[in-house]
C-alpha atoms as a PDB file:
ATOM      1  CA  UNK A   1     -24.163 -20.711-121.594  1.00  0.00           C
ATOM      2  CA  UNK A   2     -20.401 -20.888-121.520  1.00  0.00           C
ATOM      3  CA  UNK A   3     -18.838 -20.288-118.144  1.00  0.00           C
ATOM      4  CA  UNK A   4     -15.379 -18.722-117.881  1.00  0.00           C
ATOM      5  CA  UNK A   5     -12.832 -20.649-115.948  1.00  0.00           C
ATOM      6  CA  UNK A   6     -11.192 -18.983-112.892  1.00  0.00           C
ATOM      7  CA  UNK A   7      -8.042 -18.553-114.974  1.00  0.00           C
ATOM      8  CA  UNK A   8      -9.898 -16.725-117.727  1.00  0.00           C
ATOM      9  CA  UNK A   9     -11.532 -14.363-115.309  1.00  0.00           C
ATOM     10  CA  UNK A  10      -8.456 -13.559-113.214  1.00  0.00           C
ATOM     11  CA  UNK A  11      -7.380  -9.982-113.226  1.00  0.00           C
ATOM     12  CA  UNK A  12      -3.967 -10.767-114.673  1.00  0.00           C
ATOM     13  CA  UNK A  13      -5.536 -12.710-117.506  1.00  0.00           C
ATOM     14  CA  UNK A  14      -7.911  -9.856-118.280  1.00  0.00           C
ATOM     15  CA  UNK A  15      -5.020  -7.401-118.253  1.00  0.00           C
ATOM     16  CA  UNK A  16      -3.050  -9.731-120.564  1.00  0.00           C
ATOM     17  CA  UNK A  17      -5.982  -9.583-123.011  1.00  0.00           C
ATOM     18  CA  UNK A  18      -5.943  -5.780-122.657  1.00  0.00           C
ATOM     19  CA  UNK A  19      -2.247  -5.779-123.472  1.00  0.00           C
ATOM     20  CA  UNK A  20      -2.764  -7.936-126.490  1.00  0.00           C
ATOM     21  CA  UNK A  21      -5.328  -5.484-127.801  1.00  0.00           C
ATOM     22  CA  UNK A  22      -3.124  -2.495-127.130  1.00  0.00           C
ATOM     23  CA  UNK A  23      -0.291  -4.277-128.985  1.00  0.00           C
ATOM     24  CA  UNK A  24      -2.594  -4.536-131.968  1.00  0.00           C
ATOM     25  CA  UNK A  25      -3.315  -0.803-131.526  1.00  0.00           C
ATOM     26  CA  UNK A  26       0.455  -0.151-131.697  1.00  0.00           C
ATOM     27  CA  UNK A  27       0.683  -2.025-135.010  1.00  0.00           C
ATOM     28  CA  UNK A  28      -2.223  -0.006-136.386  1.00  0.00           C
ATOM     29  CA  UNK A  29      -0.580   3.201-135.252  1.00  0.00           C
ATOM     30  CA  UNK A  30       2.650   2.093-136.889  1.00  0.00           C
ATOM     31  CA  UNK A  31       0.748   1.627-140.149  1.00  0.00           C
ATOM     32  CA  UNK A  32      -0.741   5.094-139.816  1.00  0.00           C
ATOM     33  CA  UNK A  33       2.707   6.453-139.114  1.00  0.00           C
ATOM     34  CA  UNK A  34       4.023   4.914-142.343  1.00  0.00           C
ATOM     35  CA  UNK A  35       1.075   6.372-144.263  1.00  0.00           C
ATOM     36  CA  UNK A  36       1.731   9.792-142.669  1.00  0.00           C
ATOM     37  CA  UNK A  37       5.386   9.646-143.760  1.00  0.00           C
ATOM     38  CA  UNK A  38       4.373   8.704-147.265  1.00  0.00           C
ATOM     39  CA  UNK A  39       1.764  11.404-147.288  1.00  0.00           C
ATOM     40  CA  UNK A  40       4.312  13.969-146.056  1.00  0.00           C
ATOM     41  CA  UNK A  41       6.697  12.878-148.811  1.00  0.00           C
ATOM     42  CA  UNK A  42       3.898  13.164-151.373  1.00  0.00           C
ATOM     43  CA  UNK A  43       3.088  16.698-150.117  1.00  0.00           C
ATOM     44  CA  UNK A  44       6.785  17.646-150.418  1.00  0.00           C
ATOM     45  CA  UNK A  45       6.980  16.354-153.951  1.00  0.00           C
ATOM     46  CA  UNK A  46       3.703  18.133-154.846  1.00  0.00           C
ATOM     47  CA  UNK A  47       4.991  21.383-153.393  1.00  0.00           C
ATOM     48  CA  UNK A  48       8.168  21.070-155.540  1.00  0.00           C
ATOM     49  CA  UNK A  49       6.156  20.413-158.694  1.00  0.00           C
ATOM     50  CA  UNK A  50       3.769  23.311-157.899  1.00  0.00           C
ATOM     51  CA  UNK A  51       6.781  25.586-157.461  1.00  0.00           C
ATOM     52  CA  UNK A  52       8.091  24.555-160.857  1.00  0.00           C
ATOM     53  CA  UNK A  53       4.715  25.166-162.458  1.00  0.00           C
ATOM     54  CA  UNK A  54       4.728  28.730-161.185  1.00  0.00           C
ATOM     55  CA  UNK A  55       1.457  30.663-161.306  1.00  0.00           C
ATOM     56  CA  UNK A  56      -0.325  27.695-162.964  1.00  0.00           C
ATOM     57  CA  UNK A  57       0.578  25.503-160.013  1.00  0.00           C
ATOM     58  CA  UNK A  58      -0.792  27.838-157.324  1.00  0.00           C
ATOM     59  CA  UNK A  59      -3.951  25.722-156.706  1.00  0.00           C
ATOM     60  CA  UNK A  60      -1.966  22.582-156.635  1.00  0.00           C
ATOM     61  CA  UNK A  61       0.316  24.178-154.047  1.00  0.00           C
ATOM     62  CA  UNK A  62      -2.665  24.915-151.799  1.00  0.00           C
ATOM     63  CA  UNK A  63      -3.625  21.255-152.000  1.00  0.00           C
ATOM     64  CA  UNK A  64      -0.040  20.204-151.200  1.00  0.00           C
ATOM     65  CA  UNK A  65      -0.033  22.482-148.118  1.00  0.00           C
ATOM     66  CA  UNK A  66      -3.249  20.891-146.848  1.00  0.00           C
ATOM     67  CA  UNK A  67      -1.847  17.458-147.382  1.00  0.00           C
ATOM     68  CA  UNK A  68       1.245  18.409-145.390  1.00  0.00           C
ATOM     69  CA  UNK A  69      -0.926  19.725-142.573  1.00  0.00           C
ATOM     70  CA  UNK A  70      -2.819  16.437-142.511  1.00  0.00           C
ATOM     71  CA  UNK A  71       0.425  14.551-142.419  1.00  0.00           C
ATOM     72  CA  UNK A  72       1.763  16.716-139.592  1.00  0.00           C
ATOM     73  CA  UNK A  73      -1.439  16.237-137.592  1.00  0.00           C
ATOM     74  CA  UNK A  74      -1.179  12.501-138.149  1.00  0.00           C
ATOM     75  CA  UNK A  75       2.342  12.488-136.865  1.00  0.00           C
ATOM     76  CA  UNK A  76       1.313  14.327-133.686  1.00  0.00           C
ATOM     77  CA  UNK A  77      -1.739  12.013-133.184  1.00  0.00           C
ATOM     78  CA  UNK A  78       0.534   9.007-133.588  1.00  0.00           C
ATOM     79  CA  UNK A  79       2.941  10.320-130.973  1.00  0.00           C
ATOM     80  CA  UNK A  80       0.093  11.082-128.595  1.00  0.00           C
ATOM     81  CA  UNK A  81      -1.362   7.583-129.129  1.00  0.00           C
ATOM     82  CA  UNK A  82       2.004   5.909-128.380  1.00  0.00           C
ATOM     83  CA  UNK A  83       2.204   7.843-125.048  1.00  0.00           C
ATOM     84  CA  UNK A  84      -1.343   6.801-124.138  1.00  0.00           C
ATOM     85  CA  UNK A  85      -0.637   3.128-124.946  1.00  0.00           C
ATOM     86  CA  UNK A  86       2.576   3.219-122.968  1.00  0.00           C
ATOM     87  CA  UNK A  87       0.634   4.656-120.031  1.00  0.00           C
ATOM     88  CA  UNK A  88      -1.937   1.827-120.411  1.00  0.00           C
ATOM     89  CA  UNK A  89       0.852  -0.708-120.194  1.00  0.00           C
ATOM     90  CA  UNK A  90       2.326   0.954-117.136  1.00  0.00           C
ATOM     91  CA  UNK A  91      -1.070   1.191-115.457  1.00  0.00           C
ATOM     92  CA  UNK A  92      -1.844  -2.492-116.230  1.00  0.00           C
ATOM     93  CA  UNK A  93       1.390  -3.512-114.611  1.00  0.00           C
ATOM     94  CA  UNK A  94       0.731  -1.337-111.598  1.00  0.00           C
ATOM     95  CA  UNK A  95      -2.738  -2.951-111.228  1.00  0.00           C
ATOM     96  CA  UNK A  96      -1.164  -6.406-111.396  1.00  0.00           C
ATOM     97  CA  UNK A  97       1.486  -5.329-108.880  1.00  0.00           C
ATOM     98  CA  UNK A  98      -1.123  -4.179-106.392  1.00  0.00           C
ATOM     99  CA  UNK A  99      -3.080  -7.339-106.937  1.00  0.00           C
ATOM    100  CA  UNK A 100      -0.029  -9.548-106.246  1.00  0.00           C
ATOM    101  CA  UNK A 101       0.668  -7.654-103.041  1.00  0.00           C
ATOM    102  CA  UNK A 102      -2.975  -7.961-101.956  1.00  0.00           C
ATOM    103  CA  UNK A 103      -2.914 -11.661-102.737  1.00  0.00           C
ATOM    104  CA  UNK A 104       0.242 -12.108-100.706  1.00  0.00           C
ATOM    105  CA  UNK A 105      -1.317 -10.200 -97.801  1.00  0.00           C
ATOM    106  CA  UNK A 106      -4.509 -12.250 -97.976  1.00  0.00           C
ATOM    107  CA  UNK A 107      -2.601 -15.526 -98.056  1.00  0.00           C
ATOM    108  CA  UNK A 108      -0.322 -14.813 -95.084  1.00  0.00           C
ATOM    109  CA  UNK A 109      -3.290 -13.473 -93.122  1.00  0.00           C
ATOM    110  CA  UNK A 110      -5.233 -16.693 -93.691  1.00  0.00           C
ATOM    111  CA  UNK A 111      -2.154 -18.759 -92.739  1.00  0.00           C
ATOM    112  CA  UNK A 112      -1.733 -16.713 -89.535  1.00  0.00           C
ATOM    113  CA  UNK A 113      -5.402 -17.202 -88.664  1.00  0.00           C
ATOM    114  CA  UNK A 114      -5.056 -20.978 -89.143  1.00  0.00           C
ATOM    115  CA  UNK A 115      -1.935 -21.148 -87.023  1.00  0.00           C
ATOM    116  CA  UNK A 116      -3.515 -18.970 -84.330  1.00  0.00           C
ATOM    117  CA  UNK A 117      -6.187 -21.653 -83.947  1.00  0.00           C
ATOM    118  CA  UNK A 118      -3.444 -24.327 -83.579  1.00  0.00           C
ATOM    119  CA  UNK A 119      -1.840 -22.084 -80.973  1.00  0.00           C
ATOM    120  CA  UNK A 120      -5.143 -21.932 -79.037  1.00  0.00           C
ATOM    121  CA  UNK A 121      -5.686 -25.694 -79.351  1.00  0.00           C
ATOM    122  CA  UNK A 122      -2.540 -26.765 -77.449  1.00  0.00           C
ATOM    123  CA  UNK A 123      -3.114 -24.221 -74.708  1.00  0.00           C
ATOM    124  CA  UNK A 124      -6.671 -25.455 -74.152  1.00  0.00           C
ATOM    125  CA  UNK A 125      -5.719 -29.165 -74.226  1.00  0.00           C
ATOM    126  CA  UNK A 126      -2.886 -28.619 -71.740  1.00  0.00           C
ATOM    127  CA  UNK A 127      -5.564 -27.816 -69.122  1.00  0.00           C
ATOM    128  CA  UNK A 128      -7.533 -31.043 -69.617  1.00  0.00           C
ATOM    129  CA  UNK A 129      -7.759 -33.066 -66.415  1.00  0.00           C
ATOM    130  CA  UNK A 130      -6.731 -36.358 -68.085  1.00  0.00           C
ATOM    131  CA  UNK A 131      -3.502 -34.722 -69.215  1.00  0.00           C
ATOM    132  CA  UNK A 132      -2.709 -33.300 -65.781  1.00  0.00           C
ATOM    133  CA  UNK A 133      -3.591 -36.558 -64.028  1.00  0.00           C
ATOM    134  CA  UNK A 134      -1.290 -38.523 -66.336  1.00  0.00           C
ATOM    135  CA  UNK A 135       1.634 -36.327 -65.278  1.00  0.00           C
ATOM    136  CA  UNK A 136       0.731 -36.848 -61.660  1.00  0.00           C
ATOM    137  CA  UNK A 137       0.497 -40.611 -61.962  1.00  0.00           C
ATOM    138  CA  UNK A 138       1.521 -41.911 -65.443  1.00  0.00           C
ATOM    139  CA  UNK A 139       0.954 -45.587 -64.722  1.00  0.00           C
ATOM    140  CA  UNK A 140      -2.567 -45.065 -63.527  1.00  0.00           C
ATOM    141  CA  UNK A 141      -3.779 -42.406 -65.990  1.00  0.00           C
ATOM    142  CA  UNK A 142      -1.721 -43.086 -69.168  1.00  0.00           C
ATOM    143  CA  UNK A 143      -4.514 -45.096 -70.870  1.00  0.00           C
ATOM    144  CA  UNK A 144      -7.048 -42.239 -70.220  1.00  0.00           C
ATOM    145  CA  UNK A 145      -4.629 -39.595 -71.554  1.00  0.00           C
ATOM    146  CA  UNK A 146      -3.789 -41.757 -74.536  1.00  0.00           C
ATOM    147  CA  UNK A 147      -7.443 -42.286 -75.400  1.00  0.00           C
ATOM    148  CA  UNK A 148      -8.075 -38.501 -75.092  1.00  0.00           C
ATOM    149  CA  UNK A 149      -5.161 -37.521 -77.337  1.00  0.00           C
ATOM    150  CA  UNK A 150      -6.076 -40.147 -79.944  1.00  0.00           C
ATOM    151  CA  UNK A 151      -9.610 -38.837 -80.013  1.00  0.00           C
ATOM    152  CA  UNK A 152      -8.332 -35.287 -80.547  1.00  0.00           C
ATOM    153  CA  UNK A 153      -6.127 -36.416 -83.453  1.00  0.00           C
ATOM    154  CA  UNK A 154      -9.025 -38.326 -84.993  1.00  0.00           C
ATOM    155  CA  UNK A 155     -11.480 -35.477 -84.679  1.00  0.00           C
ATOM    156  CA  UNK A 156      -9.281 -32.588 -85.693  1.00  0.00           C
ATOM    157  CA  UNK A 157      -7.530 -34.485 -88.568  1.00  0.00           C
ATOM    158  CA  UNK A 158      -4.902 -31.683 -88.995  1.00  0.00           C
ATOM    159  CA  UNK A 159      -2.487 -33.226 -86.504  1.00  0.00           C
ATOM    160  CA  UNK A 160       0.007 -36.027 -86.946  1.00  0.00           C
ATOM    161  CA  UNK A 161       0.076 -36.737 -83.222  1.00  0.00           C
ATOM    162  CA  UNK A 162       0.203 -35.293 -79.716  1.00  0.00           C
ATOM    163  CA  UNK A 163       3.019 -35.903 -77.245  1.00  0.00           C
ATOM    164  CA  UNK A 164       2.980 -35.530 -73.476  1.00  0.00           C
ATOM    165  CA  UNK A 165       6.335 -35.270 -71.614  1.00  0.00           C
ATOM    166  CA  UNK A 166       7.265 -34.975 -67.980  1.00  0.00           C
ATOM    167  CA  UNK A 167       9.527 -32.211 -66.632  1.00  0.00           C
ATOM    168  CA  UNK A 168      12.663 -34.076 -67.749  1.00  0.00           C
ATOM    169  CA  UNK A 169      11.467 -34.344 -71.344  1.00  0.00           C
ATOM    170  CA  UNK A 170      10.538 -38.031 -71.302  1.00  0.00           C
ATOM    171  CA  UNK A 171       7.421 -38.882 -73.289  1.00  0.00           C
ATOM    172  CA  UNK A 172       4.894 -40.546 -71.039  1.00  0.00           C
ATOM    173  CA  UNK A 173       1.934 -40.653 -73.439  1.00  0.00           C
ATOM    174  CA  UNK A 174       1.062 -40.062 -77.168  1.00  0.00           C
ATOM    175  CA  UNK A 175      -2.053 -40.155 -79.185  1.00  0.00           C
ATOM    176  CA  UNK A 176      -0.835 -42.621 -81.846  1.00  0.00           C
ATOM    177  CA  UNK A 177       2.860 -43.443 -81.678  1.00  0.00           C
ATOM    178  CA  UNK A 178       2.996 -45.627 -78.564  1.00  0.00           C
ATOM    179  CA  UNK A 179       6.497 -46.770 -79.521  1.00  0.00           C
ATOM    180  CA  UNK A 180       7.675 -43.273 -78.579  1.00  0.00           C
ATOM    181  CA  UNK A 181       6.678 -43.615 -74.940  1.00  0.00           C
ATOM    182  CA  UNK A 182       9.831 -43.401 -72.877  1.00  0.00           C
ATOM    183  CA  UNK A 183      11.744 -41.495 -75.554  1.00  0.00           C
ATOM    184  CA  UNK A 184      13.928 -38.624 -74.339  1.00  0.00           C
ATOM    185  CA  UNK A 185      12.964 -35.253 -75.877  1.00  0.00           C
ATOM    186  CA  UNK A 186      14.928 -33.071 -73.427  1.00  0.00           C
ATOM    187  CA  UNK A 187      17.304 -31.924 -76.168  1.00  0.00           C
ATOM    188  CA  UNK A 188      14.604 -30.925 -78.648  1.00  0.00           C
ATOM    189  CA  UNK A 189      14.094 -27.229 -79.345  1.00  0.00           C
ATOM    190  CA  UNK A 190      10.346 -27.372 -78.679  1.00  0.00           C
ATOM    191  CA  UNK A 191      10.840 -28.866 -75.202  1.00  0.00           C
ATOM    192  CA  UNK A 192      13.722 -26.647 -74.169  1.00  0.00           C
ATOM    193  CA  UNK A 193      12.043 -23.400 -75.346  1.00  0.00           C
ATOM    194  CA  UNK A 194       8.717 -24.258 -73.694  1.00  0.00           C
ATOM    195  CA  UNK A 195      10.341 -25.024 -70.337  1.00  0.00           C
ATOM    196  CA  UNK A 196      12.725 -22.074 -70.606  1.00  0.00           C
ATOM    197  CA  UNK A 197       9.983 -19.576 -71.543  1.00  0.00           C
ATOM    198  CA  UNK A 198       7.434 -21.162 -69.221  1.00  0.00           C
ATOM    199  CA  UNK A 199       4.931 -20.404 -71.960  1.00  0.00           C
ATOM    200  CA  UNK A 200       3.542 -21.710 -75.185  1.00  0.00           C
ATOM    201  CA  UNK A 201       6.188 -22.068 -77.909  1.00  0.00           C
ATOM    202  CA  UNK A 202       5.793 -22.513 -81.674  1.00  0.00           C
ATOM    203  CA  UNK A 203       8.620 -23.899 -83.856  1.00  0.00           C
ATOM    204  CA  UNK A 204       9.363 -22.912 -87.397  1.00  0.00           C
ATOM    205  CA  UNK A 205       8.243 -25.384 -90.070  1.00  0.00           C
ATOM    206  CA  UNK A 206      10.551 -28.420 -90.202  1.00  0.00           C
ATOM    207  CA  UNK A 207      10.603 -32.075 -91.181  1.00  0.00           C
ATOM    208  CA  UNK A 208       9.739 -34.227 -88.194  1.00  0.00           C
ATOM    209  CA  UNK A 209      11.170 -37.706 -88.296  1.00  0.00           C
ATOM    210  CA  UNK A 210       8.749 -39.052 -85.709  1.00  0.00           C
ATOM    211  CA  UNK A 211       5.770 -37.671 -87.545  1.00  0.00           C
ATOM    212  CA  UNK A 212       7.129 -38.546 -90.972  1.00  0.00           C
ATOM    213  CA  UNK A 213       6.322 -35.168 -92.593  1.00  0.00           C
ATOM    214  CA  UNK A 214       6.672 -31.446 -92.565  1.00  0.00           C
ATOM    215  CA  UNK A 215       5.215 -29.937 -89.416  1.00  0.00           C
ATOM    216  CA  UNK A 216       4.954 -27.075 -86.976  1.00  0.00           C
ATOM    217  CA  UNK A 217       5.121 -28.030 -83.297  1.00  0.00           C
ATOM    218  CA  UNK A 218       2.971 -26.252 -80.824  1.00  0.00           C
ATOM    219  CA  UNK A 219       3.996 -26.869 -77.218  1.00  0.00           C
ATOM    220  CA  UNK A 220       2.504 -25.654 -73.941  1.00  0.00           C
ATOM    221  CA  UNK A 221       3.463 -26.151 -70.312  1.00  0.00           C
ATOM    222  CA  UNK A 222       1.135 -28.279 -68.280  1.00  0.00           C
ATOM    223  CA  UNK A 223       0.608 -26.972 -64.736  1.00  0.00           C
ATOM    224  CA  UNK A 224      -0.710 -28.640 -61.627  1.00  0.00           C
ATOM    225  CA  UNK A 225      -3.319 -27.151 -59.295  1.00  0.00           C
ATOM    226  CA  UNK A 226      -0.716 -24.916 -57.607  1.00  0.00           C
ATOM    227  CA  UNK A 227       0.442 -23.565 -60.979  1.00  0.00           C
ATOM    228  CA  UNK A 228       3.803 -25.407 -61.051  1.00  0.00           C
ATOM    229  CA  UNK A 229       4.905 -26.742 -64.475  1.00  0.00           C
ATOM    230  CA  UNK A 230       4.824 -30.517 -64.392  1.00  0.00           C
ATOM    231  CA  UNK A 231       5.274 -31.319 -68.077  1.00  0.00           C
ATOM    232  CA  UNK A 232       4.772 -30.243 -71.705  1.00  0.00           C
ATOM    233  CA  UNK A 233       1.964 -31.080 -74.137  1.00  0.00           C
ATOM    234  CA  UNK A 234       3.161 -30.806 -77.763  1.00  0.00           C
ATOM    235  CA  UNK A 235       1.238 -31.125 -81.025  1.00  0.00           C
ATOM    236  CA  UNK A 236       2.442 -31.901 -84.552  1.00  0.00           C
ATOM    237  CA  UNK A 237       0.483 -29.896 -87.070  1.00  0.00           C
ATOM    238  CA  UNK A 238       0.316 -31.565 -90.491  1.00  0.00           C
ATOM    239  CA  UNK A 239       1.798 -28.900 -92.774  1.00  0.00           C
ATOM    240  CA  UNK A 240      -0.048 -30.470 -95.776  1.00  0.00           C
ATOM    241  CA  UNK A 241      -3.195 -28.688 -94.638  1.00  0.00           C
ATOM    242  CA  UNK A 242      -1.626 -25.292 -95.308  1.00  0.00           C
ATOM    243  CA  UNK A 243      -2.033 -26.094 -98.992  1.00  0.00           C
ATOM    244  CA  UNK A 244      -5.768 -25.844 -98.505  1.00  0.00           C
ATOM    245  CA  UNK A 245      -5.071 -22.107 -98.314  1.00  0.00           C
ATOM    246  CA  UNK A 246      -2.299 -21.849-100.884  1.00  0.00           C
ATOM    247  CA  UNK A 247      -4.057 -23.840-103.577  1.00  0.00           C
ATOM    248  CA  UNK A 248      -7.070 -21.537-103.410  1.00  0.00           C
ATOM    249  CA  UNK A 249      -5.000 -18.427-104.079  1.00  0.00           C
ATOM    250  CA  UNK A 250      -5.914 -17.045-107.559  1.00  0.00           C
ATOM    251  CA  UNK A 251      -2.452 -16.904-109.140  1.00  0.00           C
ATOM    252  CA  UNK A 252      -2.492 -16.640-112.950  1.00  0.00           C
ATOM    253  CA  UNK A 253      -0.953 -19.274-115.237  1.00  0.00           C
ATOM    254  CA  UNK A 254       2.825 -18.783-115.216  1.00  0.00           C
ATOM    255  CA  UNK A 255       2.733 -17.056-111.819  1.00  0.00           C
ATOM    256  CA  UNK A 256       4.033 -18.449-108.561  1.00  0.00           C
ATOM    257  CA  UNK A 257       3.376 -18.229-104.868  1.00  0.00           C
ATOM    258  CA  UNK A 258       5.980 -18.911-102.072  1.00  0.00           C
ATOM    259  CA  UNK A 259       5.818 -18.937 -98.315  1.00  0.00           C
ATOM    260  CA  UNK A 260       9.265 -18.238 -96.947  1.00  0.00           C
ATOM    261  CA  UNK A 261      10.562 -18.342 -93.412  1.00  0.00           C
ATOM    262  CA  UNK A 262      12.527 -15.543 -91.702  1.00  0.00           C
ATOM    263  CA  UNK A 263      15.766 -16.748 -93.367  1.00  0.00           C
ATOM    264  CA  UNK A 264      14.205 -16.716 -96.857  1.00  0.00           C
ATOM    265  CA  UNK A 265      13.908 -20.452 -97.202  1.00  0.00           C
ATOM    266  CA  UNK A 266      10.831 -21.733 -99.059  1.00  0.00           C
ATOM    267  CA  UNK A 267       8.529 -23.582 -96.658  1.00  0.00           C
ATOM    268  CA  UNK A 268       5.582 -23.853 -99.054  1.00  0.00           C
ATOM    269  CA  UNK A 269       4.885 -23.178-102.723  1.00  0.00           C
ATOM    270  CA  UNK A 270       2.255 -23.756-105.399  1.00  0.00           C
ATOM    271  CA  UNK A 271       4.498 -26.258-107.243  1.00  0.00           C
ATOM    272  CA  UNK A 272       5.627 -27.979-103.952  1.00  0.00           C
ATOM    273  CA  UNK A 273       9.231 -27.738-105.061  1.00  0.00           C
ATOM    274  CA  UNK A 274      12.296 -26.620-103.154  1.00  0.00           C
ATOM    275  CA  UNK A 275      10.788 -26.976 -99.687  1.00  0.00           C
ATOM    276  CA  UNK A 276      13.406 -26.096 -97.038  1.00  0.00           C
ATOM    277  CA  UNK A 277      15.988 -26.085 -99.899  1.00  0.00           C
ATOM    278  CA  UNK A 278      15.315 -23.123-102.117  1.00  0.00           C
ATOM    279  CA  UNK A 279      16.594 -19.810-100.822  1.00  0.00           C
ATOM    280  CA  UNK A 280      14.790 -16.688-102.047  1.00  0.00           C
ATOM    281  CA  UNK A 281      16.611 -14.225 -99.834  1.00  0.00           C
ATOM    282  CA  UNK A 282      18.208 -12.517-102.893  1.00  0.00           C
ATOM    283  CA  UNK A 283      14.881 -11.891-104.611  1.00  0.00           C
ATOM    284  CA  UNK A 284      14.192  -8.141-104.431  1.00  0.00           C
ATOM    285  CA  UNK A 285      10.692  -8.617-103.001  1.00  0.00           C
ATOM    286  CA  UNK A 286      11.899 -11.138-100.508  1.00  0.00           C
ATOM    287  CA  UNK A 287      14.654  -8.841 -99.379  1.00  0.00           C
ATOM    288  CA  UNK A 288      12.112  -6.111 -98.605  1.00  0.00           C
ATOM    289  CA  UNK A 289       9.910  -8.558 -96.634  1.00  0.00           C
ATOM    290  CA  UNK A 290      12.855 -10.007 -94.754  1.00  0.00           C
ATOM    291  CA  UNK A 291      13.985  -6.436 -93.879  1.00  0.00           C
ATOM    292  CA  UNK A 292      10.657  -5.951 -92.121  1.00  0.00           C
ATOM    293  CA  UNK A 293       8.526  -4.235 -94.747  1.00  0.00           C
ATOM    294  CA  UNK A 294       5.011  -5.556 -94.247  1.00  0.00           C
ATOM    295  CA  UNK A 295       3.493  -5.061 -97.754  1.00  0.00           C
ATOM    296  CA  UNK A 296       4.434  -3.937-101.201  1.00  0.00           C
ATOM    297  CA  UNK A 297       5.609  -4.947-104.646  1.00  0.00           C
ATOM    298  CA  UNK A 298       8.604  -4.848-106.985  1.00  0.00           C
ATOM    299  CA  UNK A 299       8.624  -4.613-110.794  1.00  0.00           C
ATOM    300  CA  UNK A 300      11.873  -6.277-111.791  1.00  0.00           C
ATOM    301  CA  UNK A 301      13.267  -6.099-115.313  1.00  0.00           C
ATOM    302  CA  UNK A 302      16.428  -8.063-114.640  1.00  0.00           C
ATOM    303  CA  UNK A 303      17.857 -10.238-117.481  1.00  0.00           C
ATOM    304  CA  UNK A 304      15.340  -8.830-119.917  1.00  0.00           C
ATOM    305  CA  UNK A 305      12.436 -10.577-118.290  1.00  0.00           C
ATOM    306  CA  UNK A 306       9.981  -8.264-116.509  1.00  0.00           C
ATOM    307  CA  UNK A 307       8.414  -9.867-113.424  1.00  0.00           C
ATOM    308  CA  UNK A 308       6.147  -8.409-110.853  1.00  0.00           C
ATOM    309  CA  UNK A 309       6.471  -9.612-107.270  1.00  0.00           C
ATOM    310  CA  UNK A 310       4.133  -8.754-104.456  1.00  0.00           C
ATOM    311  CA  UNK A 311       5.063  -9.469-100.889  1.00  0.00           C
ATOM    312  CA  UNK A 312       3.485  -9.417 -97.411  1.00  0.00           C
ATOM    313  CA  UNK A 313       5.109 -10.190 -94.113  1.00  0.00           C
ATOM    314  CA  UNK A 314       3.304 -11.859 -91.238  1.00  0.00           C
ATOM    315  CA  UNK A 315       1.455  -9.565 -88.829  1.00  0.00           C
ATOM    316  CA  UNK A 316       0.382 -12.388 -86.589  1.00  0.00           C
ATOM    317  CA  UNK A 317      -3.130 -12.738 -85.383  1.00  0.00           C
ATOM    318  CA  UNK A 318      -4.400 -11.891 -81.908  1.00  0.00           C
ATOM    319  CA  UNK A 319      -2.106 -13.559 -79.394  1.00  0.00           C
ATOM    320  CA  UNK A 320      -0.192 -15.416 -82.069  1.00  0.00           C
ATOM    321  CA  UNK A 321       2.729 -13.173 -82.990  1.00  0.00           C
ATOM    322  CA  UNK A 322       3.790 -15.040 -86.125  1.00  0.00           C
ATOM    323  CA  UNK A 323       7.228 -16.503 -86.972  1.00  0.00           C
ATOM    324  CA  UNK A 324       8.548 -13.822 -89.333  1.00  0.00           C
ATOM    325  CA  UNK A 325       7.241 -15.601 -92.399  1.00  0.00           C
ATOM    326  CA  UNK A 326       6.294 -13.859 -95.636  1.00  0.00           C
ATOM    327  CA  UNK A 327       4.381 -14.692 -98.797  1.00  0.00           C
ATOM    328  CA  UNK A 328       5.798 -13.804-102.199  1.00  0.00           C
ATOM    329  CA  UNK A 329       3.524 -13.801-105.302  1.00  0.00           C
ATOM    330  CA  UNK A 330       5.014 -13.387-108.768  1.00  0.00           C
ATOM    331  CA  UNK A 331       3.369 -12.622-112.097  1.00  0.00           C
ATOM    332  CA  UNK A 332       4.730 -11.814-115.574  1.00  0.00           C
ATOM    333  CA  UNK A 333       4.679  -8.116-116.392  1.00  0.00           C
ATOM    334  CA  UNK A 334       2.519  -7.076-119.298  1.00  0.00           C
ATOM    335  CA  UNK A 335       3.942  -5.346-122.342  1.00  0.00           C
END
């Protein structure tokens, strides 16, 4: 038994097939319309000839009148059919539009749930005794803290590394990059914001030179037994793992999916292109999301190319408030 591929069974693909069939219906109706016009012309000519024939053409005139009625009814049926088909096209595009918006919502929700877990990770690990001991006496407990952080990186797999800094921003232990020990991080956003807020801080997605890849940094204050902040534990989430979510999104062939930050810059996409370079802030759907609209779609007919774009803005998840990101899904309009 043949098995349809996911592409063949996607809603947009099915609607495309529906559109192809309605297009064939249009051609058939156009043929009927031409026949109706010819029939009407034949009825007119028959009526003229019947009139010339006088009384002898009376029966022929009756036939001509019936032919004209048939032609008129065909004209009306053709007009009604065209309206119905246009409504089918419109409905098909509205179904695709709702689907793109739902897909965008589902994708940003899954991303938020994933990042919520990363948010919880760093807060939990900042309470581990080995981490706190290392900040109290780095020389004595560095090896223990390093072993713990390396084990975390190895087990979780989604992190490039973990960094532990003192109150001044100096790295005193890492999971993997031992060459970073002693480096000054006091000027980095993640350190300054964590110390300033005295709470967990999450960066936007950026390219991390020390990690060698795109990342989101999750940083949490480390407190001593009296509750005083004695340092910062910071993780480097490997952004590549977000594509585990994006690649599973059922976008039809020719469609696209983008994750944009609060400025409209692409931070992830199906084709992996334009990361932190392409600006979508002028896209109608992106403008709505950036303006704070949480969910919706836009059918855009600019430049003669009809595109449908669904959008959804982050709602966060539990204690994770989100970073103002949005997902934009685009599909070709049918018709």
